[in-house]
Amino acid sequence: MSIELNNPALENARKLVRDGKVTRDERDDWSEAAPTADEENAFIEREGWTEYSHWHLGIDKSENRETKAAYSFPFGDFRKVHRGGVIAGESRAGQYDHDEIRDALKNLLELIDEDES
């Protein structure tokens, strides 16, 4: 398993933040806000795997890209970036030594918080 930074997802996240599509919640809120498996499946059915991938900052290129196993570090609910999801992902990425993803999430959090002021 080799998880890498998913650059198209990072660009999507930055664009959403610049466009003001952000929910300014806290880390603990992410467990309630994160999409359920049914919501993920409905999104994939409606929008496809490429769009699904654009909501995950981690990609495991050794996995089939048309499975959820290929994607990790979600940061939003398919409509908005969730600050809580970014914080949770940053913490988890640091915990598992995914430094590039951790740093991207840290920078995204700074962009969210900068935009708020």
PDB file of N, CA and C in Angstrom:
ATOM      1  N   MET A   1       0.848  -1.181   0.000  1.00  0.00           N
ATOM      2  CA  MET A   1       0.000   0.000   0.000  1.00  0.00           C
ATOM      3  C   MET A   1       0.892   1.243   0.000  1.00  0.00           C
ATOM      4  N   SER A   2       0.730   2.049  -1.014  1.00  0.00           N
ATOM      5  CA  SER A   2       1.524   3.267  -1.132  1.00  0.00           C
ATOM      6  C   SER A   2       0.587   4.431  -1.436  1.00  0.00           C
ATOM      7  N   ILE A   3       0.221   5.132  -0.405  1.00  0.00           N
ATOM      8  CA  ILE A   3      -0.717   6.235  -0.568  1.00  0.00           C
ATOM      9  C   ILE A   3       0.050   7.502  -0.932  1.00  0.00           C
ATOM     10  N   GLU A   4      -0.406   8.159  -1.994  1.00  0.00           N
ATOM     11  CA  GLU A   4       0.221   9.379  -2.488  1.00  0.00           C
ATOM     12  C   GLU A   4      -0.788  10.522  -2.430  1.00  0.00           C
ATOM     13  N   LEU A   5      -0.251  11.738  -2.530  1.00  0.00           N
ATOM     14  CA  LEU A   5      -1.109  12.918  -2.607  1.00  0.00           C
ATOM     15  C   LEU A   5      -1.840  12.917  -3.945  1.00  0.00           C
ATOM     16  N   ASN A   6      -3.143  13.102  -3.882  1.00  0.00           N
ATOM     17  CA  ASN A   6      -3.988  13.162  -5.072  1.00  0.00           C
ATOM     18  C   ASN A   6      -4.104  14.636  -5.477  1.00  0.00           C
ATOM     19  N   ASN A   7      -3.238  15.063  -6.380  1.00  0.00           N
ATOM     20  CA  ASN A   7      -3.169  16.482  -6.752  1.00  0.00           C
ATOM     21  C   ASN A   7      -4.463  17.042  -7.343  1.00  0.00           C
ATOM     22  N   PRO A   8      -5.185  16.318  -8.200  1.00  0.00           N
ATOM     23  CA  PRO A   8      -6.463  16.870  -8.683  1.00  0.00           C
ATOM     24  C   PRO A   8      -7.451  17.136  -7.539  1.00  0.00           C
ATOM     25  N   ALA A   9      -7.426  16.297  -6.516  1.00  0.00           N
ATOM     26  CA  ALA A   9      -8.302  16.515  -5.355  1.00  0.00           C
ATOM     27  C   ALA A   9      -7.865  17.761  -4.586  1.00  0.00           C
ATOM     28  N   LEU A  10      -6.563  17.962  -4.467  1.00  0.00           N
ATOM     29  CA  LEU A  10      -6.068  19.146  -3.781  1.00  0.00           C
ATOM     30  C   LEU A  10      -6.488  20.413  -4.523  1.00  0.00           C
ATOM     31  N   GLU A  11      -6.389  20.392  -5.838  1.00  0.00           N
ATOM     32  CA  GLU A  11      -6.826  21.554  -6.626  1.00  0.00           C
ATOM     33  C   GLU A  11      -8.322  21.793  -6.457  1.00  0.00           C
ATOM     34  N   ASN A  12      -9.097  20.712  -6.434  1.00  0.00           N
ATOM     35  CA  ASN A  12     -10.541  20.829  -6.219  1.00  0.00           C
ATOM     36  C   ASN A  12     -10.819  21.462  -4.859  1.00  0.00           C
ATOM     37  N   ALA A  13     -10.127  20.996  -3.832  1.00  0.00           N
ATOM     38  CA  ALA A  13     -10.334  21.528  -2.490  1.00  0.00           C
ATOM     39  C   ALA A  13      -9.981  23.017  -2.424  1.00  0.00           C
ATOM     40  N   ARG A  14      -8.875  23.387  -3.009  1.00  0.00           N
ATOM     41  CA  ARG A  14      -8.471  24.804  -2.999  1.00  0.00           C
ATOM     42  C   ARG A  14      -9.496  25.674  -3.722  1.00  0.00           C
ATOM     43  N   LYS A  15      -9.984  25.193  -4.856  1.00  0.00           N
ATOM     44  CA  LYS A  15     -10.979  25.952  -5.613  1.00  0.00           C
ATOM     45  C   LYS A  15     -12.255  26.129  -4.793  1.00  0.00           C
ATOM     46  N   LEU A  16     -12.693  25.051  -4.152  1.00  0.00           N
ATOM     47  CA  LEU A  16     -13.896  25.138  -3.324  1.00  0.00           C
ATOM     48  C   LEU A  16     -13.726  26.162  -2.205  1.00  0.00           C
ATOM     49  N   VAL A  17     -12.555  26.162  -1.573  1.00  0.00           N
ATOM     50  CA  VAL A  17     -12.302  27.128  -0.498  1.00  0.00           C
ATOM     51  C   VAL A  17     -12.316  28.540  -1.061  1.00  0.00           C
ATOM     52  N   ARG A  18     -11.627  28.745  -2.179  1.00  0.00           N
ATOM     53  CA  ARG A  18     -11.607  30.088  -2.790  1.00  0.00           C
ATOM     54  C   ARG A  18     -13.010  30.549  -3.173  1.00  0.00           C
ATOM     55  N   ASP A  19     -13.868  29.603  -3.557  1.00  0.00           N
ATOM     56  CA  ASP A  19     -15.250  29.923  -3.938  1.00  0.00           C
ATOM     57  C   ASP A  19     -16.185  30.038  -2.735  1.00  0.00           C
ATOM     58  N   GLY A  20     -15.637  29.877  -1.531  1.00  0.00           N
ATOM     59  CA  GLY A  20     -16.444  30.012  -0.319  1.00  0.00           C
ATOM     60  C   GLY A  20     -17.288  28.798   0.011  1.00  0.00           C
ATOM     61  N   LYS A  21     -17.001  27.675  -0.609  1.00  0.00           N
ATOM     62  CA  LYS A  21     -17.774  26.455  -0.353  1.00  0.00           C
ATOM     63  C   LYS A  21     -17.107  25.659   0.765  1.00  0.00           C
ATOM     64  N   VAL A  22     -17.284  26.190   1.988  1.00  0.00           N
ATOM     65  CA  VAL A  22     -16.632  25.645   3.173  1.00  0.00           C
ATOM     66  C   VAL A  22     -17.629  25.601   4.320  1.00  0.00           C
ATOM     67  N   THR A  23     -17.604  24.515   5.062  1.00  0.00           N
ATOM     68  CA  THR A  23     -18.322  24.423   6.324  1.00  0.00           C
ATOM     69  C   THR A  23     -17.278  24.560   7.417  1.00  0.00           C
ATOM     70  N   ARG A  24     -17.415  25.582   8.227  1.00  0.00           N
ATOM     71  CA  ARG A  24     -16.400  25.890   9.247  1.00  0.00           C
ATOM     72  C   ARG A  24     -16.742  25.185  10.563  1.00  0.00           C
ATOM     73  N   ASP A  25     -16.616  23.884  10.521  1.00  0.00           N
ATOM     74  CA  ASP A  25     -16.909  23.087  11.703  1.00  0.00           C
ATOM     75  C   ASP A  25     -15.608  22.681  12.387  1.00  0.00           C
ATOM     76  N   GLU A  26     -15.728  21.929  13.443  1.00  0.00           N
ATOM     77  CA  GLU A  26     -14.571  21.479  14.219  1.00  0.00           C
ATOM     78  C   GLU A  26     -14.316  19.997  13.944  1.00  0.00           C
ATOM     79  N   ARG A  27     -13.156  19.525  14.361  1.00  0.00           N
ATOM     80  CA  ARG A  27     -12.756  18.145  14.100  1.00  0.00           C
ATOM     81  C   ARG A  27     -13.816  17.142  14.553  1.00  0.00           C
ATOM     82  N   ASP A  28     -14.343  17.330  15.736  1.00  0.00           N
ATOM     83  CA  ASP A  28     -15.314  16.376  16.276  1.00  0.00           C
ATOM     84  C   ASP A  28     -16.601  16.329  15.460  1.00  0.00           C
ATOM     85  N   ASP A  29     -16.874  17.371  14.698  1.00  0.00           N
ATOM     86  CA  ASP A  29     -18.083  17.401  13.879  1.00  0.00           C
ATOM     87  C   ASP A  29     -17.976  16.500  12.646  1.00  0.00           C
ATOM     88  N   TRP A  30     -16.755  16.158  12.253  1.00  0.00           N
ATOM     89  CA  TRP A  30     -16.550  15.404  11.020  1.00  0.00           C
ATOM     90  C   TRP A  30     -17.197  14.022  11.066  1.00  0.00           C
ATOM     91  N   SER A  31     -17.210  13.384  12.220  1.00  0.00           N
ATOM     92  CA  SER A  31     -17.804  12.045  12.292  1.00  0.00           C
ATOM     93  C   SER A  31     -19.284  12.069  11.921  1.00  0.00           C
ATOM     94  N   GLU A  32     -19.958  13.163  12.199  1.00  0.00           N
ATOM     95  CA  GLU A  32     -21.368  13.307  11.814  1.00  0.00           C
ATOM     96  C   GLU A  32     -21.535  13.815  10.388  1.00  0.00           C
ATOM     97  N   ALA A  33     -20.584  14.622   9.930  1.00  0.00           N
ATOM     98  CA  ALA A  33     -20.704  15.274   8.613  1.00  0.00           C
ATOM     99  C   ALA A  33     -20.186  14.415   7.460  1.00  0.00           C
ATOM    100  N   ALA A  34     -19.274  13.500   7.758  1.00  0.00           N
ATOM    101  CA  ALA A  34     -18.682  12.674   6.697  1.00  0.00           C
ATOM    102  C   ALA A  34     -19.774  11.880   5.980  1.00  0.00           C
ATOM    103  N   PRO A  35     -19.666  11.764   4.663  1.00  0.00           N
ATOM    104  CA  PRO A  35     -20.672  11.006   3.917  1.00  0.00           C
ATOM    105  C   PRO A  35     -20.746   9.546   4.381  1.00  0.00           C
ATOM    106  N   THR A  36     -21.943   9.027   4.424  1.00  0.00           N
ATOM    107  CA  THR A  36     -22.140   7.614   4.751  1.00  0.00           C
ATOM    108  C   THR A  36     -21.796   6.773   3.523  1.00  0.00           C
ATOM    109  N   ALA A  37     -21.686   5.480   3.713  1.00  0.00           N
ATOM    110  CA  ALA A  37     -21.414   4.575   2.589  1.00  0.00           C
ATOM    111  C   ALA A  37     -22.515   4.696   1.534  1.00  0.00           C
ATOM    112  N   ASP A  38     -23.763   4.826   1.963  1.00  0.00           N
ATOM    113  CA  ASP A  38     -24.866   4.972   1.002  1.00  0.00           C
ATOM    114  C   ASP A  38     -24.757   6.278   0.227  1.00  0.00           C
ATOM    115  N   GLU A  39     -24.375   7.356   0.919  1.00  0.00           N
ATOM    116  CA  GLU A  39     -24.197   8.638   0.231  1.00  0.00           C
ATOM    117  C   GLU A  39     -23.030   8.563  -0.759  1.00  0.00           C
ATOM    118  N   GLU A  40     -21.958   7.898  -0.366  1.00  0.00           N
ATOM    119  CA  GLU A  40     -20.830   7.707  -1.284  1.00  0.00           C
ATOM    120  C   GLU A  40     -21.266   6.922  -2.518  1.00  0.00           C
ATOM    121  N   ASN A  41     -21.979   5.837  -2.294  1.00  0.00           N
ATOM    122  CA  ASN A  41     -22.430   5.003  -3.415  1.00  0.00           C
ATOM    123  C   ASN A  41     -23.342   5.776  -4.361  1.00  0.00           C
ATOM    124  N   ALA A  42     -24.232   6.568  -3.810  1.00  0.00           N
ATOM    125  CA  ALA A  42     -25.127   7.376  -4.640  1.00  0.00           C
ATOM    126  C   ALA A  42     -24.335   8.405  -5.439  1.00  0.00           C
ATOM    127  N   PHE A  43     -23.336   9.015  -4.817  1.00  0.00           N
ATOM    128  CA  PHE A  43     -22.501   9.991  -5.518  1.00  0.00           C
ATOM    129  C   PHE A  43     -21.738   9.321  -6.661  1.00  0.00           C
ATOM    130  N   ILE A  44     -21.161   8.169  -6.389  1.00  0.00           N
ATOM    131  CA  ILE A  44     -20.417   7.441  -7.426  1.00  0.00           C
ATOM    132  C   ILE A  44     -21.347   7.074  -8.576  1.00  0.00           C
ATOM    133  N   GLU A  45     -22.534   6.610  -8.256  1.00  0.00           N
ATOM    134  CA  GLU A  45     -23.512   6.229  -9.290  1.00  0.00           C
ATOM    135  C   GLU A  45     -23.893   7.432 -10.154  1.00  0.00           C
ATOM    136  N   ARG A  46     -24.041   8.562  -9.520  1.00  0.00           N
ATOM    137  CA  ARG A  46     -24.470   9.786 -10.204  1.00  0.00           C
ATOM    138  C   ARG A  46     -23.320  10.481 -10.951  1.00  0.00           C
ATOM    139  N   GLU A  47     -22.146  10.584 -10.303  1.00  0.00           N
ATOM    140  CA  GLU A  47     -21.055  11.418 -10.827  1.00  0.00           C
ATOM    141  C   GLU A  47     -19.859  10.640 -11.371  1.00  0.00           C
ATOM    142  N   GLY A  48     -19.694   9.394 -10.927  1.00  0.00           N
ATOM    143  CA  GLY A  48     -18.582   8.574 -11.415  1.00  0.00           C
ATOM    144  C   GLY A  48     -17.365   8.588 -10.496  1.00  0.00           C
ATOM    145  N   TRP A  49     -16.442   7.681 -10.797  1.00  0.00           N
ATOM    146  CA  TRP A  49     -15.262   7.489  -9.962  1.00  0.00           C
ATOM    147  C   TRP A  49     -14.301   8.677  -9.993  1.00  0.00           C
ATOM    148  N   THR A  50     -14.159   9.327 -11.129  1.00  0.00           N
ATOM    149  CA  THR A  50     -13.228  10.459 -11.203  1.00  0.00           C
ATOM    150  C   THR A  50     -13.667  11.565 -10.261  1.00  0.00           C
ATOM    151  N   GLU A  51     -14.956  11.905 -10.296  1.00  0.00           N
ATOM    152  CA  GLU A  51     -15.456  12.938  -9.387  1.00  0.00           C
ATOM    153  C   GLU A  51     -15.322  12.496  -7.926  1.00  0.00           C
ATOM    154  N   TYR A  52     -15.578  11.228  -7.656  1.00  0.00           N
ATOM    155  CA  TYR A  52     -15.405  10.711  -6.290  1.00  0.00           C
ATOM    156  C   TYR A  52     -13.961  10.900  -5.839  1.00  0.00           C
ATOM    157  N   SER A  53     -13.014  10.615  -6.734  1.00  0.00           N
ATOM    158  CA  SER A  53     -11.594  10.740  -6.382  1.00  0.00           C
ATOM    159  C   SER A  53     -11.217  12.169  -6.042  1.00  0.00           C
ATOM    160  N   HIS A  54     -11.927  13.136  -6.606  1.00  0.00           N
ATOM    161  CA  HIS A  54     -11.616  14.548  -6.376  1.00  0.00           C
ATOM    162  C   HIS A  54     -12.003  15.024  -4.978  1.00  0.00           C
ATOM    163  N   TRP A  55     -12.564  14.143  -4.177  1.00  0.00           N
ATOM    164  CA  TRP A  55     -12.935  14.479  -2.799  1.00  0.00           C
ATOM    165  C   TRP A  55     -12.065  13.743  -1.776  1.00  0.00           C
ATOM    166  N   HIS A  56     -10.935  13.180  -2.246  1.00  0.00           N
ATOM    167  CA  HIS A  56     -10.028  12.422  -1.369  1.00  0.00           C
ATOM    168  C   HIS A  56      -8.588  12.818  -1.668  1.00  0.00           C
ATOM    169  N   LEU A  57      -7.864  13.272  -0.648  1.00  0.00           N
ATOM    170  CA  LEU A  57      -6.490  13.720  -0.876  1.00  0.00           C
ATOM    171  C   LEU A  57      -5.486  12.582  -0.955  1.00  0.00           C
ATOM    172  N   GLY A  58      -5.886  11.383  -0.593  1.00  0.00           N
ATOM    173  CA  GLY A  58      -4.993  10.233  -0.709  1.00  0.00           C
ATOM    174  C   GLY A  58      -5.446   9.303  -1.808  1.00  0.00           C
ATOM    175  N   ILE A  59      -4.463   8.799  -2.571  1.00  0.00           N
ATOM    176  CA  ILE A  59      -4.767   7.805  -3.601  1.00  0.00           C
ATOM    177  C   ILE A  59      -3.718   6.702  -3.527  1.00  0.00           C
ATOM    178  N   ASP A  60      -4.188   5.479  -3.542  1.00  0.00           N
ATOM    179  CA  ASP A  60      -3.312   4.303  -3.555  1.00  0.00           C
ATOM    180  C   ASP A  60      -3.355   3.741  -4.969  1.00  0.00           C
ATOM    181  N   LYS A  61      -2.309   4.018  -5.735  1.00  0.00           N
ATOM    182  CA  LYS A  61      -2.283   3.641  -7.146  1.00  0.00           C
ATOM    183  C   LYS A  61      -2.124   2.139  -7.359  1.00  0.00           C
ATOM    184  N   SER A  62      -1.862   1.398  -6.285  1.00  0.00           N
ATOM    185  CA  SER A  62      -1.792  -0.056  -6.414  1.00  0.00           C
ATOM    186  C   SER A  62      -3.184  -0.690  -6.350  1.00  0.00           C
ATOM    187  N   GLU A  63      -4.183   0.094  -5.971  1.00  0.00           N
ATOM    188  CA  GLU A  63      -5.569  -0.389  -5.893  1.00  0.00           C
ATOM    189  C   GLU A  63      -6.312  -0.065  -7.186  1.00  0.00           C
ATOM    190  N   ASN A  64      -7.350  -0.823  -7.445  1.00  0.00           N
ATOM    191  CA  ASN A  64      -8.238  -0.550  -8.574  1.00  0.00           C
ATOM    192  C   ASN A  64      -8.894   0.810  -8.337  1.00  0.00           C
ATOM    193  N   ARG A  65      -8.773   1.691  -9.310  1.00  0.00           N
ATOM    194  CA  ARG A  65      -9.292   3.060  -9.146  1.00  0.00           C
ATOM    195  C   ARG A  65     -10.817   3.123  -9.174  1.00  0.00           C
ATOM    196  N   GLU A  66     -11.441   2.020  -9.442  1.00  0.00           N
ATOM    197  CA  GLU A  66     -12.905   1.979  -9.377  1.00  0.00           C
ATOM    198  C   GLU A  66     -13.360   1.198  -8.152  1.00  0.00           C
ATOM    199  N   THR A  67     -12.605   1.381  -7.072  1.00  0.00           N
ATOM    200  CA  THR A  67     -12.996   0.854  -5.759  1.00  0.00           C
ATOM    201  C   THR A  67     -12.690   1.927  -4.721  1.00  0.00           C
ATOM    202  N   LYS A  68     -13.445   1.913  -3.660  1.00  0.00           N
ATOM    203  CA  LYS A  68     -13.224   2.883  -2.591  1.00  0.00           C
ATOM    204  C   LYS A  68     -11.874   2.679  -1.916  1.00  0.00           C
ATOM    205  N   ALA A  69     -11.324   1.466  -2.000  1.00  0.00           N
ATOM    206  CA  ALA A  69     -10.033   1.172  -1.367  1.00  0.00           C
ATOM    207  C   ALA A  69      -8.902   2.032  -1.925  1.00  0.00           C
ATOM    208  N   ALA A  70      -9.078   2.577  -3.117  1.00  0.00           N
ATOM    209  CA  ALA A  70      -8.038   3.398  -3.735  1.00  0.00           C
ATOM    210  C   ALA A  70      -7.963   4.802  -3.135  1.00  0.00           C
ATOM    211  N   TYR A  71      -8.982   5.219  -2.384  1.00  0.00           N
ATOM    212  CA  TYR A  71      -9.080   6.615  -1.959  1.00  0.00           C
ATOM    213  C   TYR A  71      -9.135   6.748  -0.440  1.00  0.00           C
ATOM    214  N   SER A  72      -8.428   7.752   0.056  1.00  0.00           N
ATOM    215  CA  SER A  72      -8.403   8.010   1.494  1.00  0.00           C
ATOM    216  C   SER A  72      -8.279   9.518   1.739  1.00  0.00           C
ATOM    217  N   PHE A  73      -8.433   9.893   2.959  1.00  0.00           N
ATOM    218  CA  PHE A  73      -8.363  11.287   3.392  1.00  0.00           C
ATOM    219  C   PHE A  73      -9.422  12.166   2.724  1.00  0.00           C
ATOM    220  N   PRO A  74     -10.706  11.811   2.958  1.00  0.00           N
ATOM    221  CA  PRO A  74     -11.790  12.666   2.458  1.00  0.00           C
ATOM    222  C   PRO A  74     -11.801  13.989   3.213  1.00  0.00           C
ATOM    223  N   PHE A  75     -12.256  15.032   2.534  1.00  0.00           N
ATOM    224  CA  PHE A  75     -12.234  16.363   3.158  1.00  0.00           C
ATOM    225  C   PHE A  75     -13.554  17.103   3.031  1.00  0.00           C
ATOM    226  N   GLY A  76     -14.566  16.471   2.480  1.00  0.00           N
ATOM    227  CA  GLY A  76     -15.831  17.164   2.319  1.00  0.00           C
ATOM    228  C   GLY A  76     -16.987  16.213   2.108  1.00  0.00           C
ATOM    229  N   ASP A  77     -18.147  16.807   1.889  1.00  0.00           N
ATOM    230  CA  ASP A  77     -19.399  16.048   1.789  1.00  0.00           C
ATOM    231  C   ASP A  77     -19.957  16.018   0.368  1.00  0.00           C
ATOM    232  N   PHE A  78     -19.096  16.222  -0.630  1.00  0.00           N
ATOM    233  CA  PHE A  78     -19.447  16.256  -2.056  1.00  0.00           C
ATOM    234  C   PHE A  78     -20.147  17.553  -2.458  1.00  0.00           C
ATOM    235  N   ARG A  79     -20.227  18.493  -1.517  1.00  0.00           N
ATOM    236  CA  ARG A  79     -20.750  19.829  -1.815  1.00  0.00           C
ATOM    237  C   ARG A  79     -19.784  20.896  -1.318  1.00  0.00           C
ATOM    238  N   LYS A  80     -19.276  20.691  -0.112  1.00  0.00           N
ATOM    239  CA  LYS A  80     -18.409  21.676   0.528  1.00  0.00           C
ATOM    240  C   LYS A  80     -17.231  20.988   1.210  1.00  0.00           C
ATOM    241  N   VAL A  81     -16.151  21.743   1.350  1.00  0.00           N
ATOM    242  CA  VAL A  81     -15.023  21.321   2.166  1.00  0.00           C
ATOM    243  C   VAL A  81     -15.445  21.492   3.623  1.00  0.00           C
ATOM    244  N   HIS A  82     -15.136  20.523   4.447  1.00  0.00           N
ATOM    245  CA  HIS A  82     -15.436  20.621   5.873  1.00  0.00           C
ATOM    246  C   HIS A  82     -14.138  20.831   6.634  1.00  0.00           C
ATOM    247  N   ARG A  83     -14.076  21.930   7.354  1.00  0.00           N
ATOM    248  CA  ARG A  83     -12.893  22.225   8.151  1.00  0.00           C
ATOM    249  C   ARG A  83     -12.581  21.057   9.086  1.00  0.00           C
ATOM    250  N   GLY A  84     -13.598  20.475   9.663  1.00  0.00           N
ATOM    251  CA  GLY A  84     -13.406  19.330  10.567  1.00  0.00           C
ATOM    252  C   GLY A  84     -12.790  18.134   9.859  1.00  0.00           C
ATOM    253  N   GLY A  85     -13.171  17.904   8.613  1.00  0.00           N
ATOM    254  CA  GLY A  85     -12.590  16.815   7.842  1.00  0.00           C
ATOM    255  C   GLY A  85     -11.129  17.065   7.519  1.00  0.00           C
ATOM    256  N   VAL A  86     -10.800  18.316   7.258  1.00  0.00           N
ATOM    257  CA  VAL A  86      -9.409  18.689   6.979  1.00  0.00           C
ATOM    258  C   VAL A  86      -8.560  18.464   8.226  1.00  0.00           C
ATOM    259  N   ILE A  87      -9.063  18.886   9.377  1.00  0.00           N
ATOM    260  CA  ILE A  87      -8.327  18.711  10.641  1.00  0.00           C
ATOM    261  C   ILE A  87      -8.150  17.225  10.953  1.00  0.00           C
ATOM    262  N   ALA A  88      -9.215  16.457  10.816  1.00  0.00           N
ATOM    263  CA  ALA A  88      -9.139  15.017  11.096  1.00  0.00           C
ATOM    264  C   ALA A  88      -8.152  14.336  10.152  1.00  0.00           C
ATOM    265  N   GLY A  89      -8.195  14.706   8.875  1.00  0.00           N
ATOM    266  CA  GLY A  89      -7.280  14.117   7.906  1.00  0.00           C
ATOM    267  C   GLY A  89      -5.836  14.482   8.177  1.00  0.00           C
ATOM    268  N   GLU A  90      -5.603  15.733   8.546  1.00  0.00           N
ATOM    269  CA  GLU A  90      -4.234  16.166   8.848  1.00  0.00           C
ATOM    270  C   GLU A  90      -3.665  15.349  10.008  1.00  0.00           C
ATOM    271  N   SER A  91      -4.459  15.169  11.036  1.00  0.00           N
ATOM    272  CA  SER A  91      -4.032  14.398  12.199  1.00  0.00           C
ATOM    273  C   SER A  91      -3.734  12.947  11.810  1.00  0.00           C
ATOM    274  N   ARG A  92      -4.640  12.343  11.064  1.00  0.00           N
ATOM    275  CA  ARG A  92      -4.469  10.945  10.657  1.00  0.00           C
ATOM    276  C   ARG A  92      -3.280  10.772   9.724  1.00  0.00           C
ATOM    277  N   ALA A  93      -3.090  11.699   8.797  1.00  0.00           N
ATOM    278  CA  ALA A  93      -1.957  11.614   7.878  1.00  0.00           C
ATOM    279  C   ALA A  93      -0.644  11.698   8.646  1.00  0.00           C
ATOM    280  N   GLY A  94      -0.582  12.577   9.643  1.00  0.00           N
ATOM    281  CA  GLY A  94       0.620  12.677  10.461  1.00  0.00           C
ATOM    282  C   GLY A  94       0.875  11.419  11.255  1.00  0.00           C
ATOM    283  N   GLN A  95      -0.185  10.836  11.754  1.00  0.00           N
ATOM    284  CA  GLN A  95      -0.101   9.616  12.546  1.00  0.00           C
ATOM    285  C   GLN A  95       0.497   8.463  11.741  1.00  0.00           C
ATOM    286  N   TYR A  96       0.199   8.406  10.444  1.00  0.00           N
ATOM    287  CA  TYR A  96       0.649   7.299   9.596  1.00  0.00           C
ATOM    288  C   TYR A  96       1.791   7.697   8.662  1.00  0.00           C
ATOM    289  N   ASP A  97       2.454   8.820   8.975  1.00  0.00           N
ATOM    290  CA  ASP A  97       3.639   9.272   8.234  1.00  0.00           C
ATOM    291  C   ASP A  97       3.389   9.550   6.754  1.00  0.00           C
ATOM    292  N   HIS A  98       2.207  10.042   6.438  1.00  0.00           N
ATOM    293  CA  HIS A  98       1.912  10.504   5.077  1.00  0.00           C
ATOM    294  C   HIS A  98       2.182  12.016   5.069  1.00  0.00           C
ATOM    295  N   ASP A  99       3.457  12.353   5.098  1.00  0.00           N
ATOM    296  CA  ASP A  99       3.866  13.733   5.317  1.00  0.00           C
ATOM    297  C   ASP A  99       3.378  14.688   4.233  1.00  0.00           C
ATOM    298  N   GLU A 100       3.417  14.268   2.983  1.00  0.00           N
ATOM    299  CA  GLU A 100       2.983  15.153   1.896  1.00  0.00           C
ATOM    300  C   GLU A 100       1.488  15.471   2.016  1.00  0.00           C
ATOM    301  N   ILE A 101       0.705  14.464   2.355  1.00  0.00           N
ATOM    302  CA  ILE A 101      -0.736  14.666   2.535  1.00  0.00           C
ATOM    303  C   ILE A 101      -0.990  15.507   3.778  1.00  0.00           C
ATOM    304  N   ARG A 102      -0.280  15.219   4.860  1.00  0.00           N
ATOM    305  CA  ARG A 102      -0.410  16.015   6.088  1.00  0.00           C
ATOM    306  C   ARG A 102      -0.129  17.492   5.814  1.00  0.00           C
ATOM    307  N   ASP A 103       0.965  17.751   5.090  1.00  0.00           N
ATOM    308  CA  ASP A 103       1.329  19.140   4.799  1.00  0.00           C
ATOM    309  C   ASP A 103       0.310  19.821   3.889  1.00  0.00           C
ATOM    310  N   ALA A 104      -0.228  19.071   2.913  1.00  0.00           N
ATOM    311  CA  ALA A 104      -1.256  19.637   2.027  1.00  0.00           C
ATOM    312  C   ALA A 104      -2.505  19.990   2.824  1.00  0.00           C
ATOM    313  N   LEU A 105      -2.887  19.132   3.749  1.00  0.00           N
ATOM    314  CA  LEU A 105      -4.061  19.404   4.581  1.00  0.00           C
ATOM    315  C   LEU A 105      -3.803  20.577   5.524  1.00  0.00           C
ATOM    316  N   LYS A 106      -2.603  20.669   6.068  1.00  0.00           N
ATOM    317  CA  LYS A 106      -2.246  21.812   6.929  1.00  0.00           C
ATOM    318  C   LYS A 106      -2.361  23.112   6.140  1.00  0.00           C
ATOM    319  N   ASN A 107      -1.854  23.122   4.921  1.00  0.00           N
ATOM    320  CA  ASN A 107      -1.936  24.319   4.078  1.00  0.00           C
ATOM    321  C   ASN A 107      -3.381  24.644   3.712  1.00  0.00           C
ATOM    322  N   LEU A 108      -4.176  23.601   3.472  1.00  0.00           N
ATOM    323  CA  LEU A 108      -5.590  23.810   3.168  1.00  0.00           C
ATOM    324  C   LEU A 108      -6.312  24.408   4.375  1.00  0.00           C
ATOM    325  N   LEU A 109      -5.991  23.923   5.560  1.00  0.00           N
ATOM    326  CA  LEU A 109      -6.586  24.480   6.784  1.00  0.00           C
ATOM    327  C   LEU A 109      -6.208  25.949   6.941  1.00  0.00           C
ATOM    328  N   GLU A 110      -4.964  26.283   6.661  1.00  0.00           N
ATOM    329  CA  GLU A 110      -4.530  27.677   6.738  1.00  0.00           C
ATOM    330  C   GLU A 110      -5.300  28.537   5.742  1.00  0.00           C
ATOM    331  N   LEU A 111      -5.531  28.003   4.550  1.00  0.00           N
ATOM    332  CA  LEU A 111      -6.306  28.725   3.532  1.00  0.00           C
ATOM    333  C   LEU A 111      -7.741  28.948   4.014  1.00  0.00           C
ATOM    334  N   ILE A 112      -8.332  27.929   4.619  1.00  0.00           N
ATOM    335  CA  ILE A 112      -9.692  28.052   5.164  1.00  0.00           C
ATOM    336  C   ILE A 112      -9.728  29.117   6.249  1.00  0.00           C
ATOM    337  N   ASP A 113      -8.785  29.053   7.188  1.00  0.00           N
ATOM    338  CA  ASP A 113      -8.793  29.987   8.307  1.00  0.00           C
ATOM    339  C   ASP A 113      -8.428  31.402   7.881  1.00  0.00           C
ATOM    340  N   GLU A 114      -7.557  31.522   6.898  1.00  0.00           N
ATOM    341  CA  GLU A 114      -7.186  32.834   6.363  1.00  0.00           C
ATOM    342  C   GLU A 114      -8.390  33.484   5.693  1.00  0.00           C
ATOM    343  N   ASP A 115      -9.144  32.679   4.968  1.00  0.00           N
ATOM    344  CA  ASP A 115     -10.319  33.175   4.249  1.00  0.00           C
ATOM    345  C   ASP A 115     -11.395  33.646   5.225  1.00  0.00           C
ATOM    346  N   GLU A 116     -11.376  33.109   6.421  1.00  0.00           N
ATOM    347  CA  GLU A 116     -12.386  33.458   7.417  1.00  0.00           C
ATOM    348  C   GLU A 116     -12.151  34.848   8.007  1.00  0.00           C
ATOM    349  N   SER A 117     -10.894  35.250   8.063  1.00  0.00           N
ATOM    350  CA  SER A 117     -10.601  36.533   8.712  1.00  0.00           C
ATOM    351  C   SER A 117     -10.838  37.731   7.839  1.00  0.00           C
TER     352      SER A 117
END
